[in-house]
Amino acid sequence: MEILYCTLNTPKVDMEKLLGAQIGLEDFIFAHVKGIKKEVNVFKSEDSLGVTITDNGAGYAFIKRIKDGSIIDSVKTVCVGDHIESINGENIIGWHHFDVAKKLKELKKEELFTMKLIEPKKAFEIEPRSKAGKSSTGNIGTGRETLRLRPKGPAIVEEVPSETKAKAIGKVDDLLELYIGIRDIDLATTMFEAGKDKDNPDEFAVALDETLGDFAFPDEFVFDVWGVIGDAKRG
């Protein structure tokens, strides 16, 4: 049995509650495993397919949202939560969601394309609600901390972002959509963290290049993100 992704606090396929980098200490976690495989042929009659893509950070891209009345909406076998395994025979496992979105966007108009999908099965609970709130270990479980999972090293408990920081990260996420065409709150958080202790935009640009150099962000985007970070630092 292979897990596709996990959701927080709901056993339903809800891509708005996809498990990310932060987990509340009292959250329920549900696992969604691989179900039936599907192959669909789609005629791209318009430039926009009307689909939003996300990924689980471990090489699986999923359909997060389908716009009503769109091309993909007309293909009733395609569902929110489906894992995209291949496009026109090209295996995309291991791709980031923005690469998959770019691939779909670049498909020629007025042509047929094929996607292989895997539909998730019903979820099952893999971790019970934490009893940390009743623990005697200090302030863990107060509702003001989260458990942050990291790609390397142990998980750590950290403070929930302040309202100012949360708003700034949201603005960075808006800039990602404006300039890059994607929304990714984890990526926006990483960018904010890379710049919060920098003194000028040049230092920030160097930090971004070291952390996220593969993205090759345009200079105007970097400058606008620095402006958001600067506003947050000034309160």
Protein backbone atom coordinates (compact mmCIF):
# COMPACT_ATOMS: atom_id res chain seq x y z
CA MET A 1 0.00 0.00 0.00
CA GLU A 2 1.58 3.26 -1.15
CA ILE A 3 0.62 6.66 0.27
CA LEU A 4 0.03 9.48 -2.22
CA TYR A 5 -0.35 12.32 0.30
CA CYS A 6 -1.81 13.22 3.70
CA THR A 7 -4.47 15.69 4.75
CA LEU A 8 -4.97 17.42 8.08
CA ASN A 9 -8.16 17.03 10.11
CA THR A 10 -10.25 15.52 7.32
CA PRO A 11 -10.42 12.02 5.81
CA LYS A 12 -11.82 13.50 2.58
CA VAL A 13 -9.84 14.34 -0.53
CA ASP A 14 -9.46 18.05 0.22
CA MET A 15 -6.45 19.62 -1.49
CA GLU A 16 -6.90 22.80 0.55
CA LYS A 17 -5.93 20.74 3.61
CA LEU A 18 -2.96 18.97 2.09
CA LEU A 19 -0.30 18.24 4.69
CA GLY A 20 2.50 20.77 4.35
CA ALA A 21 5.59 21.68 6.31
CA GLN A 22 3.77 22.64 9.48
CA ILE A 23 1.54 20.46 11.65
CA GLY A 24 -0.40 21.69 14.65
CA LEU A 25 0.36 19.64 17.71
CA GLU A 26 -3.31 18.69 18.05
CA ASP A 27 -4.02 17.88 14.40
CA PHE A 28 -5.40 14.64 12.99
CA ILE A 29 -3.42 13.26 10.04
CA PHE A 30 -5.08 11.12 7.38
CA ALA A 31 -3.26 9.17 4.67
CA HIS A 32 -4.59 8.84 1.12
CA VAL A 33 -3.30 5.77 -0.72
CA LYS A 34 -3.17 4.87 -4.41
CA GLY A 35 -6.43 3.74 -5.96
CA ILE A 36 -7.45 3.02 -9.54
CA LYS A 37 -5.38 4.09 -12.53
CA LYS A 38 -7.03 6.17 -15.25
CA GLU A 39 -6.00 7.28 -18.72
CA VAL A 40 -7.81 10.27 -20.22
CA ASN A 41 -7.62 11.99 -23.59
CA VAL A 42 -8.23 15.74 -23.53
CA PHE A 43 -8.74 18.06 -26.49
CA LYS A 44 -7.12 21.41 -25.72
CA SER A 45 -9.64 23.72 -27.37
CA GLU A 46 -8.51 26.75 -25.32
CA ASP A 47 -5.24 28.06 -23.93
CA SER A 48 -6.37 27.54 -20.33
CA LEU A 49 -7.27 24.05 -19.13
CA GLY A 50 -8.84 25.38 -15.92
CA VAL A 51 -6.81 23.24 -13.56
CA THR A 52 -4.55 24.13 -10.60
CA ILE A 53 -1.65 21.82 -9.76
CA THR A 54 0.03 21.17 -6.41
CA ASP A 55 2.54 18.60 -5.15
CA ASN A 56 3.43 16.83 -1.92
CA GLY A 57 7.10 17.78 -1.97
CA ALA A 58 8.06 14.15 -2.59
CA GLY A 59 7.69 13.89 -6.34
CA TYR A 60 3.93 13.51 -6.71
CA ALA A 61 1.89 16.21 -8.47
CA PHE A 62 -1.87 16.44 -7.97
CA ILE A 63 -4.91 18.21 -9.28
CA LYS A 64 -5.74 20.74 -6.57
CA ARG A 65 -8.62 22.64 -8.15
CA ILE A 66 -10.79 22.40 -11.29
CA LYS A 67 -12.52 25.53 -12.59
CA ASP A 68 -16.22 25.17 -13.30
CA GLY A 69 -16.99 25.10 -17.02
CA SER A 70 -13.35 24.58 -17.99
CA ILE A 71 -11.87 22.01 -20.38
CA ILE A 72 -10.83 19.70 -17.56
CA ASP A 73 -14.22 20.14 -15.88
CA SER A 74 -15.81 18.63 -18.99
CA VAL A 75 -13.73 15.46 -18.56
CA LYS A 76 -15.74 13.92 -15.74
CA THR A 77 -13.27 11.11 -15.03
CA VAL A 78 -10.71 13.71 -13.86
CA CYS A 79 -11.15 14.55 -10.17
CA VAL A 80 -9.62 16.85 -7.59
CA GLY A 81 -6.94 14.87 -5.76
CA ASP A 82 -5.90 12.77 -8.76
CA HIS A 83 -2.16 12.17 -9.02
CA ILE A 84 -0.78 12.97 -12.51
CA GLU A 85 1.59 10.15 -13.42
CA SER A 86 2.39 11.05 -17.03
CA ILE A 87 1.54 13.53 -19.81
CA ASN A 88 1.66 12.31 -23.41
CA GLY A 89 3.65 9.30 -22.27
CA GLU A 90 6.27 11.35 -20.40
CA ASN A 91 6.66 10.24 -16.79
CA ILE A 92 6.45 13.30 -14.53
CA ILE A 93 7.01 11.65 -11.16
CA GLY A 94 9.61 13.74 -9.36
CA TRP A 95 8.50 17.01 -10.97
CA HIS A 96 7.51 20.09 -8.97
CA HIS A 97 3.94 21.29 -9.46
CA PHE A 98 5.06 24.44 -11.28
CA ASP A 99 6.93 22.29 -13.83
CA VAL A 100 3.80 20.20 -14.41
CA ALA A 101 1.70 23.35 -14.80
CA LYS A 102 4.26 24.70 -17.29
CA LYS A 103 4.15 21.44 -19.24
CA LEU A 104 0.35 21.60 -19.50
CA LYS A 105 0.44 25.26 -20.46
CA GLU A 106 2.92 24.58 -23.28
CA LEU A 107 0.78 21.86 -24.88
CA LYS A 108 -0.37 22.93 -28.34
CA LYS A 109 -3.85 24.34 -28.76
CA GLU A 110 -6.37 22.45 -30.92
CA GLU A 111 -4.61 19.15 -30.24
CA LEU A 112 -5.39 16.05 -28.20
CA PHE A 113 -3.18 15.07 -25.28
CA THR A 114 -3.17 12.13 -22.86
CA MET A 115 -2.77 12.01 -19.10
CA LYS A 116 -2.31 8.96 -16.91
CA LEU A 117 -3.81 9.55 -13.47
CA ILE A 118 -4.07 7.68 -10.19
CA GLU A 119 -7.17 8.28 -8.09
CA PRO A 120 -6.70 8.25 -4.28
CA LYS A 121 -8.58 5.76 -2.17
CA LYS A 122 -10.50 6.68 0.96
CA ALA A 123 -8.20 7.93 3.69
CA PHE A 124 -7.40 6.27 6.98
CA GLU A 125 -6.11 7.87 10.17
CA ILE A 126 -2.41 7.32 10.77
CA GLU A 127 -1.89 9.46 13.88
CA PRO A 128 -4.29 10.14 16.74
CA ARG A 129 -4.92 13.58 18.21
CA SER A 130 -1.96 14.66 20.31
CA LYS A 131 -2.35 14.73 24.06
CA ALA A 132 0.33 17.39 24.30
CA GLY A 133 -2.16 19.92 25.65
CA LYS A 134 -2.37 17.85 28.85
CA SER A 135 1.36 17.37 29.12
CA SER A 136 3.49 18.83 31.88
CA THR A 137 6.27 19.78 29.44
CA GLY A 138 5.74 23.54 29.56
CA ASN A 139 4.07 25.48 26.81
CA ILE A 140 3.81 22.70 24.21
CA GLY A 141 0.16 22.23 23.31
CA THR A 142 -0.89 25.78 24.10
CA GLY A 143 -2.04 26.29 20.52
CA ARG A 144 0.72 28.82 19.82
CA GLU A 145 3.27 26.33 18.51
CA THR A 146 3.50 24.04 15.50
CA LEU A 147 5.55 20.98 14.67
CA ARG A 148 7.64 21.76 11.59
CA LEU A 149 8.91 18.88 9.45
CA ARG A 150 12.24 19.42 7.73
CA PRO A 151 13.79 17.54 4.77
CA LYS A 152 16.95 17.08 6.84
CA GLY A 153 17.28 16.74 10.57
CA PRO A 154 14.64 16.23 13.25
CA ALA A 155 11.24 17.89 13.44
CA ILE A 156 11.19 21.01 15.57
CA VAL A 157 8.54 22.85 17.56
CA GLU A 158 8.36 26.53 16.65
CA GLU A 159 6.10 29.49 17.25
CA VAL A 160 3.19 30.07 14.90
CA PRO A 161 4.00 33.05 12.62
CA SER A 162 2.82 36.44 13.85
CA GLU A 163 -0.06 38.12 12.08
CA THR A 164 2.36 40.55 10.40
CA LYS A 165 4.58 37.71 9.19
CA ALA A 166 1.61 35.67 8.01
CA LYS A 167 0.29 38.63 5.99
CA ALA A 168 3.74 39.20 4.47
CA ILE A 169 4.02 35.55 3.45
CA GLY A 170 0.57 35.80 1.89
CA LYS A 171 1.72 38.81 -0.15
CA VAL A 172 4.82 36.91 -1.30
CA ASP A 173 2.49 34.08 -2.35
CA ASP A 174 0.43 36.62 -4.34
CA LEU A 175 3.64 37.79 -6.07
CA LEU A 176 4.51 34.19 -6.93
CA GLU A 177 1.18 33.86 -8.70
CA LEU A 178 1.58 37.24 -10.45
CA TYR A 179 5.11 36.68 -11.75
CA ILE A 180 5.52 32.88 -11.88
CA GLY A 181 1.93 31.68 -12.26
CA ILE A 182 1.92 29.43 -9.16
CA ARG A 183 0.79 29.63 -5.55
CA ASP A 184 2.96 27.87 -2.98
CA ILE A 185 2.76 29.01 0.64
CA ASP A 186 5.75 26.87 1.64
CA LEU A 187 7.89 28.43 -1.07
CA ALA A 188 6.69 31.89 -0.02
CA THR A 189 7.63 31.08 3.59
CA THR A 190 11.10 29.94 2.53
CA MET A 191 11.62 33.19 0.64
CA PHE A 192 10.47 35.27 3.59
CA GLU A 193 12.79 33.38 5.95
CA ALA A 194 15.70 33.91 3.53
CA GLY A 195 15.24 37.68 3.66
CA LYS A 196 14.09 38.51 7.17
CA ASP A 197 17.63 38.97 8.53
CA LYS A 198 19.12 40.63 5.43
CA ASP A 199 19.99 44.34 5.37
CA ASN A 200 19.50 45.13 1.69
CA PRO A 201 18.10 43.69 -1.56
CA ASP A 202 21.53 42.60 -2.79
CA GLU A 203 22.04 40.38 0.27
CA PHE A 204 18.53 39.04 -0.20
CA ALA A 205 19.17 38.24 -3.88
CA VAL A 206 22.34 36.32 -2.94
CA ALA A 207 20.45 34.37 -0.25
CA LEU A 208 17.69 33.50 -2.73
CA ASP A 209 20.24 32.34 -5.27
CA GLU A 210 21.89 30.11 -2.67
CA THR A 211 18.58 28.67 -1.48
CA LEU A 212 16.41 28.66 -4.60
CA GLY A 213 18.83 29.25 -7.46
CA ASP A 214 17.07 26.76 -9.74
CA PHE A 215 14.07 29.07 -10.00
CA ALA A 216 15.94 31.92 -11.74
CA PHE A 217 13.47 34.51 -10.41
CA PRO A 218 13.26 37.75 -12.43
CA ASP A 219 14.89 40.80 -10.84
CA GLU A 220 11.60 42.73 -10.62
CA PHE A 221 10.04 39.85 -8.67
CA VAL A 222 12.96 39.71 -6.22
CA PHE A 223 12.76 43.47 -5.69
CA ASP A 224 9.02 43.36 -5.02
CA VAL A 225 9.44 40.48 -2.56
CA TRP A 226 12.16 42.44 -0.77
CA GLY A 227 9.71 45.34 -0.49
CA VAL A 228 7.16 43.08 1.21
CA ILE A 229 9.81 41.78 3.63
CA GLY A 230 10.97 45.33 4.37
CA ASP A 231 7.41 46.43 5.14
CA ALA A 232 6.99 43.48 7.52
CA LYS A 233 10.27 44.29 9.31
CA ARG A 234 9.11 47.85 9.84
CA GLY A 235 5.84 46.57 11.26
